[in-house]
Amino acid sequence: NEVHTVVADYVEVCARKGEIREVILPDQSRVTLNSGSVLLYPETFSDVRSVHLSGEAVFDVTASEEHPFVVRTADVNVKVHGTRFNVSSYPDESQVDVTLCRGAVRVSPSGDESNAVELLPDQNYRYDKASGKFTVSTVSSAEYTGWESGSLSFHSQDIRSVARTISRRFNVNVYVTDGKYDRAVITAKFIHGETLEEQVSAICRLVPGMKYTVTDGNIYIR
C-alpha cells in the first residue's frame, strides 16, 4: 500500500510593534493581531481548524460543529466551535490569559487535556507558566479586547510587564531602571486615546516615588 503524506502550506502573519493587523482565515474567521504578535495558519483547513499564536489576538470564529477550531500557544490550547475570545500569550510574559466574550471555549495546558476548563462568557483563564497552575475569574471581557480600538488596560500587572506592553503598543524602548518597584501591582485603563507620555505619567502617579524621564526617544522609569 502506498502512503500519501499531505504537507500543508502555512501562512505567517506578523504584527510589528506599534501595529495592529486584521486577518481573515480560510473559513472566514476573523483574527485581530495585537502589536508584537505572530499568527501561523494553514492555507487550507482540515477537519480541525488549527492555528498557532505567539502574542495576543482576538478571535471571531465562524461556527462549525463538525470542524473544531483550536488556538495553540506554547503553554495552553483553546478549543472552540464558534465564538469570540481573546488570547494573550507573549513569550516574554510570565502568564497566559484567555478571555471569553461570547460562546464557549475549552482551555487546557498544552499536552494536558485532563486539566481542561470550560469558560463562560466574561470569564478569564489565567495560566502561570512557572507553576503550571491556573485561575478562573469573572471579568469585563470588553476591557480585555479594548486594544482593538486603541484602548489599553492593565489588570494587576507588575511594572515590568506594563513597560513591555507599552513598548509593544508604541514601538518605543521602555526601561525600568530600579528594582524597588518590582512588587508594585498596576491596574489602569486608558480609553480616551491618551498619548504615550500621558499614559506613562499616569502610571507613575499610581506608585509613590516612581518617576520617568525621556532620553533620545527612550523612556526610563526610576
Protein backbone atom coordinates (compact mmCIF):
# COMPACT_ATOMS: atom_id res chain seq x y z
CA ASN A 1 0.00 0.00 0.00
CA GLU A 2 1.22 3.44 -0.90
CA VAL A 3 1.44 6.01 1.88
CA HIS A 4 0.45 9.53 0.86
CA THR A 5 1.70 12.38 3.04
CA VAL A 6 -0.04 15.72 2.75
CA VAL A 7 2.03 18.74 3.75
CA ALA A 8 0.00 21.87 4.35
CA ASP A 9 1.38 25.21 3.24
CA TYR A 10 1.36 27.65 6.13
CA VAL A 11 0.84 31.38 6.15
CA GLU A 12 2.64 33.51 8.72
CA VAL A 13 1.25 36.93 9.62
CA CYS A 14 3.19 39.31 11.88
CA ALA A 15 2.01 42.47 13.61
CA ARG A 16 5.06 44.61 14.31
CA LYS A 17 5.44 46.77 17.40
CA GLY A 18 3.12 49.74 17.13
CA GLU A 19 0.87 47.89 14.66
CA ILE A 20 -2.49 46.08 14.83
CA ARG A 21 -3.41 43.78 11.93
CA GLU A 22 -6.60 42.02 10.88
CA VAL A 23 -6.52 38.59 9.25
CA ILE A 24 -9.32 36.68 7.51
CA LEU A 25 -8.74 32.92 7.78
CA PRO A 26 -9.72 30.35 5.11
CA ASP A 27 -13.02 29.63 6.93
CA GLN A 28 -13.80 33.39 7.12
CA SER A 29 -12.99 33.53 10.84
CA ARG A 30 -11.62 36.96 11.72
CA VAL A 31 -8.47 37.49 13.78
CA THR A 32 -7.16 40.82 15.07
CA LEU A 33 -3.47 40.63 15.97
CA ASN A 34 -2.07 42.89 18.67
CA SER A 35 1.37 44.53 18.42
CA GLY A 36 4.35 42.18 18.53
CA SER A 37 2.33 39.06 17.66
CA VAL A 38 2.68 36.24 15.14
CA LEU A 39 -0.10 34.02 13.76
CA LEU A 40 0.61 30.82 11.80
CA TYR A 41 -2.21 29.03 9.94
CA PRO A 42 -2.58 26.60 7.00
CA GLU A 43 -3.72 27.86 3.60
CA THR A 44 -6.47 25.23 3.76
CA PHE A 45 -8.08 23.90 6.94
CA SER A 46 -8.60 20.18 7.52
CA ASP A 47 -11.12 18.56 9.87
CA VAL A 48 -9.66 20.50 12.79
CA ARG A 49 -9.06 24.19 12.13
CA SER A 50 -5.73 24.66 13.94
CA VAL A 51 -3.72 27.89 14.23
CA HIS A 52 -0.64 28.85 16.25
CA LEU A 53 -0.31 32.14 18.15
CA SER A 54 2.63 33.89 19.75
CA GLY A 55 1.43 37.15 21.30
CA GLU A 56 -2.13 38.43 21.60
CA ALA A 57 -5.19 38.25 19.36
CA VAL A 58 -8.96 38.48 19.36
CA PHE A 59 -10.60 35.57 17.53
CA ASP A 60 -14.08 35.82 15.99
CA VAL A 61 -14.56 32.21 14.91
CA THR A 62 -17.02 31.09 12.24
CA ALA A 63 -19.31 28.47 13.79
CA SER A 64 -18.87 24.84 12.77
CA GLU A 65 -19.87 21.87 14.93
CA GLU A 66 -18.12 19.46 12.56
CA HIS A 67 -14.80 21.31 12.48
CA PRO A 68 -13.47 22.41 15.90
CA PHE A 69 -11.19 25.45 15.95
CA VAL A 70 -8.02 25.19 18.06
CA VAL A 71 -5.65 28.00 19.01
CA ARG A 72 -2.31 26.57 20.06
CA THR A 73 0.23 28.57 22.07
CA ALA A 74 3.47 27.47 23.72
CA ASP A 75 1.64 26.89 27.02
CA VAL A 76 -2.11 26.45 26.53
CA ASN A 77 -4.56 25.27 23.87
CA VAL A 78 -8.02 26.79 23.31
CA LYS A 79 -10.66 24.65 21.58
CA VAL A 80 -13.91 26.11 20.23
CA HIS A 81 -16.61 25.57 17.61
CA GLY A 82 -17.73 29.17 17.05
CA THR A 83 -17.24 32.08 19.41
CA ARG A 84 -15.35 35.30 20.19
CA PHE A 85 -12.44 35.37 22.63
CA ASN A 86 -9.08 36.97 23.40
CA VAL A 87 -5.79 35.10 23.88
CA SER A 88 -2.70 36.82 25.29
CA SER A 89 0.39 34.59 25.17
CA TYR A 90 3.55 36.66 24.72
CA PRO A 91 6.79 34.66 25.13
CA ASP A 92 8.30 37.29 27.45
CA GLU A 93 5.33 37.39 29.85
CA SER A 94 5.00 35.09 32.88
CA GLN A 95 1.35 34.24 32.28
CA VAL A 96 -1.18 33.44 29.57
CA ASP A 97 -4.69 34.94 29.55
CA VAL A 98 -7.73 33.59 27.71
CA THR A 99 -10.87 35.74 27.97
CA LEU A 100 -14.24 34.67 26.57
CA CYS A 101 -16.60 37.26 25.06
CA ARG A 102 -19.38 35.02 23.75
CA GLY A 103 -19.99 31.35 23.02
CA ALA A 104 -17.90 28.74 24.80
CA VAL A 105 -14.26 27.67 24.83
CA ARG A 106 -12.34 24.80 26.35
CA VAL A 107 -8.87 25.73 27.64
CA SER A 108 -6.17 23.30 28.67
CA PRO A 109 -2.43 23.39 29.35
CA SER A 110 -0.53 22.21 26.28
CA GLY A 111 -0.38 18.41 26.28
CA ASP A 112 -2.69 18.08 29.30
CA GLU A 113 -6.32 17.67 28.20
CA SER A 114 -7.18 16.18 31.60
CA ASN A 115 -7.00 19.66 33.13
CA ALA A 116 -9.29 21.31 30.57
CA VAL A 117 -11.69 24.03 31.75
CA GLU A 118 -14.88 25.22 30.06
CA LEU A 119 -15.22 29.01 30.18
CA LEU A 120 -18.44 31.03 30.25
CA PRO A 121 -18.77 34.49 28.69
CA ASP A 122 -16.95 37.19 30.72
CA GLN A 123 -14.66 34.65 32.35
CA ASN A 124 -10.87 34.88 32.25
CA TYR A 125 -8.48 31.92 32.43
CA ARG A 126 -5.01 32.90 33.67
CA TYR A 127 -2.20 30.33 33.42
CA ASP A 128 1.03 30.83 35.35
CA LYS A 129 3.94 29.49 33.30
CA ALA A 130 6.27 28.95 36.25
CA SER A 131 3.92 26.95 38.47
CA GLY A 132 1.72 25.40 35.78
CA LYS A 133 -1.35 26.44 37.78
CA PHE A 134 -4.36 28.41 36.56
CA THR A 135 -7.18 30.52 37.95
CA VAL A 136 -10.58 31.41 36.50
CA SER A 137 -12.27 34.70 37.37
CA THR A 138 -15.20 36.84 36.24
CA VAL A 139 -14.16 39.93 34.28
CA SER A 140 -15.43 42.50 31.82
CA SER A 141 -14.35 40.93 28.54
CA ALA A 142 -14.68 44.30 26.78
CA GLU A 143 -11.69 45.55 28.79
CA TYR A 144 -9.56 42.66 27.56
CA THR A 145 -10.44 43.31 23.90
CA GLY A 146 -10.42 47.13 24.04
CA TRP A 147 -6.93 47.21 22.50
CA GLU A 148 -8.60 46.50 19.13
CA SER A 149 -9.90 50.08 19.11
CA GLY A 150 -6.83 51.66 20.70
CA SER A 151 -7.69 51.34 24.40
CA LEU A 152 -5.17 49.92 26.84
CA SER A 153 -5.97 48.15 30.12
CA PHE A 154 -3.68 46.73 32.79
CA HIS A 155 -5.08 44.09 35.12
CA SER A 156 -2.93 43.59 38.24
CA GLN A 157 0.29 43.65 36.21
CA ASP A 158 3.76 44.27 37.59
CA ILE A 159 5.64 47.36 36.38
CA ARG A 160 7.97 45.41 34.09
CA SER A 161 5.02 43.76 32.34
CA VAL A 162 3.40 47.20 31.97
CA ALA A 163 6.64 48.54 30.48
CA ARG A 164 6.73 45.67 27.95
CA THR A 165 3.09 46.29 26.96
CA ILE A 166 3.70 50.00 26.41
CA SER A 167 6.85 49.20 24.45
CA ARG A 168 4.90 46.91 22.10
CA ARG A 169 1.99 49.32 21.71
CA PHE A 170 4.01 52.45 20.94
CA ASN A 171 7.12 50.82 19.43
CA VAL A 172 9.45 52.51 21.91
CA ASN A 173 12.02 51.27 24.41
CA VAL A 174 10.78 51.48 28.00
CA TYR A 175 13.31 50.65 30.71
CA VAL A 176 12.61 50.07 34.42
CA THR A 177 15.95 51.04 35.96
CA ASP A 178 15.21 50.42 39.64
CA GLY A 179 14.16 47.15 41.25
CA LYS A 180 12.45 48.83 44.20
CA TYR A 181 9.13 48.94 42.30
CA ASP A 182 9.12 45.28 41.28
CA ARG A 183 6.42 44.43 43.83
CA ALA A 184 4.15 47.24 42.63
CA VAL A 185 0.91 46.00 41.01
CA ILE A 186 -0.65 48.21 38.35
CA THR A 187 -4.34 48.31 37.43
CA ALA A 188 -5.23 51.08 34.98
CA LYS A 189 -7.41 51.76 31.95
CA PHE A 190 -6.79 54.22 29.11
CA ILE A 191 -9.79 54.64 26.81
CA HIS A 192 -9.55 58.23 25.56
CA GLY A 193 -6.61 57.99 23.19
CA GLU A 194 -4.03 59.14 25.75
CA THR A 195 -0.56 59.75 24.37
CA LEU A 196 2.48 57.71 25.33
CA GLU A 197 3.71 60.29 27.83
CA GLU A 198 0.22 60.76 29.30
CA GLN A 199 -0.01 57.04 29.97
CA VAL A 200 3.48 56.75 31.48
CA SER A 201 2.87 59.84 33.62
CA ALA A 202 -0.42 58.43 34.93
CA ILE A 203 1.16 55.06 35.74
CA CYS A 204 3.98 56.74 37.65
CA ARG A 205 1.42 58.65 39.73
CA LEU A 206 -0.04 55.30 40.85
CA VAL A 207 3.20 54.28 42.57
CA PRO A 208 4.57 56.64 45.25
CA GLY A 209 8.04 57.89 44.33
CA MET A 210 8.09 56.49 40.81
CA LYS A 211 9.22 58.92 38.10
CA TYR A 212 10.21 58.77 34.45
CA THR A 213 12.48 60.60 32.04
CA VAL A 214 12.67 60.64 28.24
CA THR A 215 16.15 60.49 26.69
CA ASP A 216 16.76 60.10 22.95
CA GLY A 217 13.23 58.80 22.49
CA ASN A 218 13.67 56.11 25.16
CA ILE A 219 11.64 56.10 28.39
CA TYR A 220 13.38 55.38 31.68
CA ILE A 221 11.26 54.59 34.75
CA ARG A 222 13.12 55.06 38.01
